[in-house]
Amino acid sequence: MSRFIVEIDIMPLQGLLDPQGRTVAHALRKLGFEGVASVRVGKHIQMIIESESETEAKHQVEDSLAKLLYNPVVEQYRYVIRHIDP
């Protein structure tokens, strides 16, 4: 059994409103960070998966994304998977 670390970034789709990002951008400008043009807020998830192969680990990641971790109507994702040495 191999171990893999997965880093997943989930962000709102481009073109959709991001109220949380707007709030953060507004607060940063009020604090004097005037160069902040915009902010988008998303999620970062890290998982360690035990699997027979990287291909099987990728299937587990894709399945968890589809069933629980992201909403395809309003979000997009990308991930990186790396083998962890025993």
N, C-alpha and C. Protein backbone atom coordinates (compact mmCIF):
# COMPACT_ATOMS: atom_id res chain seq x y z
N MET A 1 0.86 -1.18 0.00
CA MET A 1 0.00 0.00 0.00
C MET A 1 0.90 1.24 0.00
N SER A 2 0.61 2.16 -0.88
CA SER A 2 1.36 3.41 -0.98
C SER A 2 0.57 4.55 -0.34
N ARG A 3 1.29 5.59 0.03
CA ARG A 3 0.66 6.78 0.60
C ARG A 3 0.90 7.95 -0.33
N PHE A 4 -0.15 8.74 -0.50
CA PHE A 4 -0.09 9.91 -1.37
C PHE A 4 -0.63 11.12 -0.61
N ILE A 5 0.01 12.26 -0.80
CA ILE A 5 -0.52 13.50 -0.25
C ILE A 5 -1.17 14.26 -1.40
N VAL A 6 -2.35 14.78 -1.14
CA VAL A 6 -3.13 15.49 -2.15
C VAL A 6 -3.39 16.90 -1.64
N GLU A 7 -3.08 17.88 -2.47
CA GLU A 7 -3.36 19.28 -2.17
C GLU A 7 -4.43 19.73 -3.16
N ILE A 8 -5.59 20.13 -2.65
CA ILE A 8 -6.73 20.52 -3.49
C ILE A 8 -7.05 22.00 -3.25
N ASP A 9 -7.19 22.74 -4.33
CA ASP A 9 -7.65 24.13 -4.26
C ASP A 9 -8.99 24.22 -4.96
N ILE A 10 -9.97 24.78 -4.26
CA ILE A 10 -11.32 24.95 -4.79
C ILE A 10 -11.64 26.45 -4.76
N MET A 11 -12.01 26.97 -5.92
CA MET A 11 -12.27 28.41 -6.04
C MET A 11 -13.61 28.64 -6.72
N PRO A 12 -14.22 29.81 -6.46
CA PRO A 12 -15.45 30.15 -7.18
C PRO A 12 -15.14 30.25 -8.68
N LEU A 13 -16.10 29.89 -9.50
CA LEU A 13 -15.94 30.02 -10.95
C LEU A 13 -15.71 31.48 -11.32
N GLN A 14 -14.85 31.70 -12.32
CA GLN A 14 -14.64 33.06 -12.82
C GLN A 14 -15.97 33.60 -13.33
N GLY A 15 -16.20 34.86 -13.09
CA GLY A 15 -17.42 35.48 -13.58
C GLY A 15 -18.56 35.45 -12.57
N LEU A 16 -18.44 34.61 -11.54
CA LEU A 16 -19.48 34.59 -10.50
C LEU A 16 -19.10 35.55 -9.39
N LEU A 17 -20.11 36.10 -8.76
CA LEU A 17 -19.86 36.98 -7.62
C LEU A 17 -19.22 36.18 -6.49
N ASP A 18 -18.30 36.83 -5.79
CA ASP A 18 -17.64 36.23 -4.63
C ASP A 18 -17.82 37.20 -3.46
N PRO A 19 -18.97 37.13 -2.75
CA PRO A 19 -19.24 38.10 -1.69
C PRO A 19 -18.19 38.07 -0.58
N GLN A 20 -17.69 36.89 -0.26
CA GLN A 20 -16.67 36.81 0.79
C GLN A 20 -15.39 37.51 0.32
N GLY A 21 -15.02 37.30 -0.92
CA GLY A 21 -13.85 37.97 -1.47
C GLY A 21 -14.02 39.48 -1.50
N ARG A 22 -15.22 39.94 -1.88
CA ARG A 22 -15.49 41.39 -1.88
C ARG A 22 -15.37 41.98 -0.49
N THR A 23 -15.87 41.26 0.51
CA THR A 23 -15.79 41.73 1.89
C THR A 23 -14.34 41.83 2.35
N VAL A 24 -13.53 40.81 2.03
CA VAL A 24 -12.11 40.83 2.41
C VAL A 24 -11.40 41.98 1.70
N ALA A 25 -11.64 42.16 0.42
CA ALA A 25 -11.00 43.24 -0.33
C ALA A 25 -11.36 44.59 0.27
N HIS A 26 -12.63 44.78 0.59
CA HIS A 26 -13.09 46.04 1.19
C HIS A 26 -12.39 46.28 2.53
N ALA A 27 -12.32 45.24 3.36
CA ALA A 27 -11.68 45.37 4.68
C ALA A 27 -10.19 45.69 4.53
N LEU A 28 -9.52 45.07 3.57
CA LEU A 28 -8.10 45.34 3.36
C LEU A 28 -7.88 46.79 2.95
N ARG A 29 -8.74 47.29 2.05
CA ARG A 29 -8.61 48.70 1.64
C ARG A 29 -8.85 49.64 2.82
N LYS A 30 -9.81 49.31 3.67
CA LYS A 30 -10.07 50.14 4.86
C LYS A 30 -8.88 50.13 5.82
N LEU A 31 -8.11 49.04 5.80
CA LEU A 31 -6.93 48.94 6.66
C LEU A 31 -5.70 49.58 6.02
N GLY A 32 -5.87 50.16 4.84
CA GLY A 32 -4.77 50.88 4.21
C GLY A 32 -4.07 50.13 3.09
N PHE A 33 -4.53 48.96 2.76
CA PHE A 33 -3.95 48.20 1.65
C PHE A 33 -4.64 48.63 0.36
N GLU A 34 -4.29 49.83 -0.10
CA GLU A 34 -5.02 50.43 -1.20
C GLU A 34 -4.73 49.80 -2.56
N GLY A 35 -3.67 49.02 -2.67
CA GLY A 35 -3.33 48.39 -3.94
C GLY A 35 -4.12 47.12 -4.22
N VAL A 36 -4.97 46.71 -3.28
CA VAL A 36 -5.75 45.49 -3.47
C VAL A 36 -6.90 45.79 -4.42
N ALA A 37 -6.82 45.22 -5.63
CA ALA A 37 -7.86 45.46 -6.63
C ALA A 37 -9.04 44.52 -6.43
N SER A 38 -8.76 43.26 -6.12
CA SER A 38 -9.85 42.30 -5.87
C SER A 38 -9.29 41.11 -5.10
N VAL A 39 -10.20 40.38 -4.48
CA VAL A 39 -9.86 39.18 -3.72
C VAL A 39 -10.89 38.12 -4.05
N ARG A 40 -10.43 36.88 -4.21
CA ARG A 40 -11.33 35.74 -4.36
C ARG A 40 -10.98 34.77 -3.24
N VAL A 41 -11.99 34.27 -2.56
CA VAL A 41 -11.79 33.38 -1.43
C VAL A 41 -12.25 31.98 -1.81
N GLY A 42 -11.42 31.00 -1.52
CA GLY A 42 -11.75 29.61 -1.81
C GLY A 42 -11.38 28.71 -0.66
N LYS A 43 -11.19 27.44 -0.97
CA LYS A 43 -10.85 26.43 0.05
C LYS A 43 -9.57 25.72 -0.36
N HIS A 44 -8.78 25.37 0.63
CA HIS A 44 -7.60 24.53 0.41
C HIS A 44 -7.77 23.29 1.29
N ILE A 45 -7.67 22.12 0.68
CA ILE A 45 -7.85 20.86 1.40
C ILE A 45 -6.62 20.00 1.17
N GLN A 46 -6.12 19.42 2.26
CA GLN A 46 -5.00 18.49 2.16
C GLN A 46 -5.46 17.14 2.67
N MET A 47 -5.18 16.10 1.87
CA MET A 47 -5.55 14.74 2.28
C MET A 47 -4.34 13.84 2.11
N ILE A 48 -4.26 12.83 2.95
CA ILE A 48 -3.32 11.75 2.76
C ILE A 48 -4.15 10.51 2.45
N ILE A 49 -3.83 9.89 1.32
CA ILE A 49 -4.59 8.74 0.85
C ILE A 49 -3.68 7.52 0.79
N GLU A 50 -4.16 6.42 1.32
CA GLU A 50 -3.46 5.15 1.19
C GLU A 50 -4.15 4.38 0.07
N SER A 51 -3.35 3.94 -0.90
CA SER A 51 -3.92 3.33 -2.09
C SER A 51 -2.89 2.40 -2.73
N GLU A 52 -3.38 1.49 -3.57
CA GLU A 52 -2.50 0.56 -4.27
C GLU A 52 -1.68 1.25 -5.36
N SER A 53 -2.23 2.34 -5.94
CA SER A 53 -1.53 3.02 -7.04
C SER A 53 -1.94 4.49 -7.08
N GLU A 54 -1.16 5.28 -7.80
CA GLU A 54 -1.50 6.69 -7.97
C GLU A 54 -2.80 6.83 -8.75
N THR A 55 -3.01 5.97 -9.71
CA THR A 55 -4.26 6.00 -10.49
C THR A 55 -5.46 5.78 -9.58
N GLU A 56 -5.38 4.79 -8.69
CA GLU A 56 -6.48 4.54 -7.76
C GLU A 56 -6.66 5.72 -6.81
N ALA A 57 -5.56 6.32 -6.36
CA ALA A 57 -5.64 7.50 -5.48
C ALA A 57 -6.34 8.65 -6.20
N LYS A 58 -6.01 8.85 -7.48
CA LYS A 58 -6.67 9.90 -8.26
C LYS A 58 -8.17 9.65 -8.38
N HIS A 59 -8.55 8.40 -8.56
CA HIS A 59 -9.98 8.06 -8.61
C HIS A 59 -10.66 8.40 -7.28
N GLN A 60 -9.99 8.13 -6.17
CA GLN A 60 -10.56 8.46 -4.85
C GLN A 60 -10.73 9.97 -4.70
N VAL A 61 -9.73 10.73 -5.16
CA VAL A 61 -9.81 12.19 -5.07
C VAL A 61 -10.97 12.70 -5.92
N GLU A 62 -11.04 12.25 -7.16
CA GLU A 62 -12.11 12.69 -8.06
C GLU A 62 -13.49 12.33 -7.50
N ASP A 63 -13.61 11.15 -6.93
CA ASP A 63 -14.88 10.71 -6.36
C ASP A 63 -15.26 11.56 -5.16
N SER A 64 -14.28 11.86 -4.29
CA SER A 64 -14.58 12.69 -3.11
C SER A 64 -14.95 14.11 -3.53
N LEU A 65 -14.31 14.62 -4.57
CA LEU A 65 -14.67 15.95 -5.07
C LEU A 65 -16.10 15.95 -5.61
N ALA A 66 -16.43 14.96 -6.40
CA ALA A 66 -17.76 14.90 -7.02
C ALA A 66 -18.88 14.69 -5.99
N LYS A 67 -18.60 13.90 -4.96
CA LYS A 67 -19.65 13.56 -4.01
C LYS A 67 -19.78 14.52 -2.84
N LEU A 68 -18.69 15.26 -2.52
CA LEU A 68 -18.74 16.04 -1.29
C LEU A 68 -18.03 17.39 -1.34
N LEU A 69 -16.84 17.43 -1.89
CA LEU A 69 -15.95 18.56 -1.63
C LEU A 69 -16.22 19.82 -2.44
N TYR A 70 -16.82 19.70 -3.62
CA TYR A 70 -17.04 20.92 -4.38
C TYR A 70 -18.37 20.88 -5.11
N ASN A 71 -18.85 22.07 -5.45
CA ASN A 71 -20.12 22.24 -6.15
C ASN A 71 -19.81 22.68 -7.58
N PRO A 72 -20.02 21.81 -8.57
CA PRO A 72 -19.65 22.16 -9.95
C PRO A 72 -20.45 23.32 -10.54
N VAL A 73 -21.54 23.68 -9.91
CA VAL A 73 -22.35 24.80 -10.42
C VAL A 73 -21.66 26.13 -10.15
N VAL A 74 -20.94 26.24 -9.04
CA VAL A 74 -20.35 27.52 -8.67
C VAL A 74 -18.85 27.47 -8.40
N GLU A 75 -18.23 26.28 -8.46
CA GLU A 75 -16.81 26.16 -8.12
C GLU A 75 -16.03 25.38 -9.18
N GLN A 76 -14.74 25.62 -9.17
CA GLN A 76 -13.80 24.84 -9.97
C GLN A 76 -12.69 24.36 -9.03
N TYR A 77 -11.98 23.33 -9.43
CA TYR A 77 -10.91 22.82 -8.57
C TYR A 77 -9.70 22.43 -9.40
N ARG A 78 -8.60 22.32 -8.69
CA ARG A 78 -7.38 21.71 -9.23
C ARG A 78 -6.69 21.03 -8.06
N TYR A 79 -5.94 19.99 -8.37
CA TYR A 79 -5.22 19.32 -7.30
C TYR A 79 -3.89 18.78 -7.79
N VAL A 80 -3.01 18.56 -6.81
CA VAL A 80 -1.71 17.97 -7.05
C VAL A 80 -1.61 16.77 -6.14
N ILE A 81 -1.14 15.66 -6.68
CA ILE A 81 -0.99 14.45 -5.89
C ILE A 81 0.48 14.03 -5.95
N ARG A 82 1.05 13.72 -4.78
CA ARG A 82 2.46 13.31 -4.70
C ARG A 82 2.59 12.06 -3.87
N HIS A 83 3.46 11.20 -4.27
CA HIS A 83 3.74 9.98 -3.53
C HIS A 83 4.55 10.35 -2.30
N ILE A 84 4.19 9.77 -1.15
CA ILE A 84 4.93 9.97 0.10
C ILE A 84 5.82 8.76 0.30
N ASP A 85 7.10 8.99 0.46
CA ASP A 85 8.01 7.88 0.70
C ASP A 85 7.71 7.24 2.05
N PRO A 86 7.78 5.90 2.10
CA PRO A 86 7.48 5.22 3.37
C PRO A 86 8.49 5.52 4.45
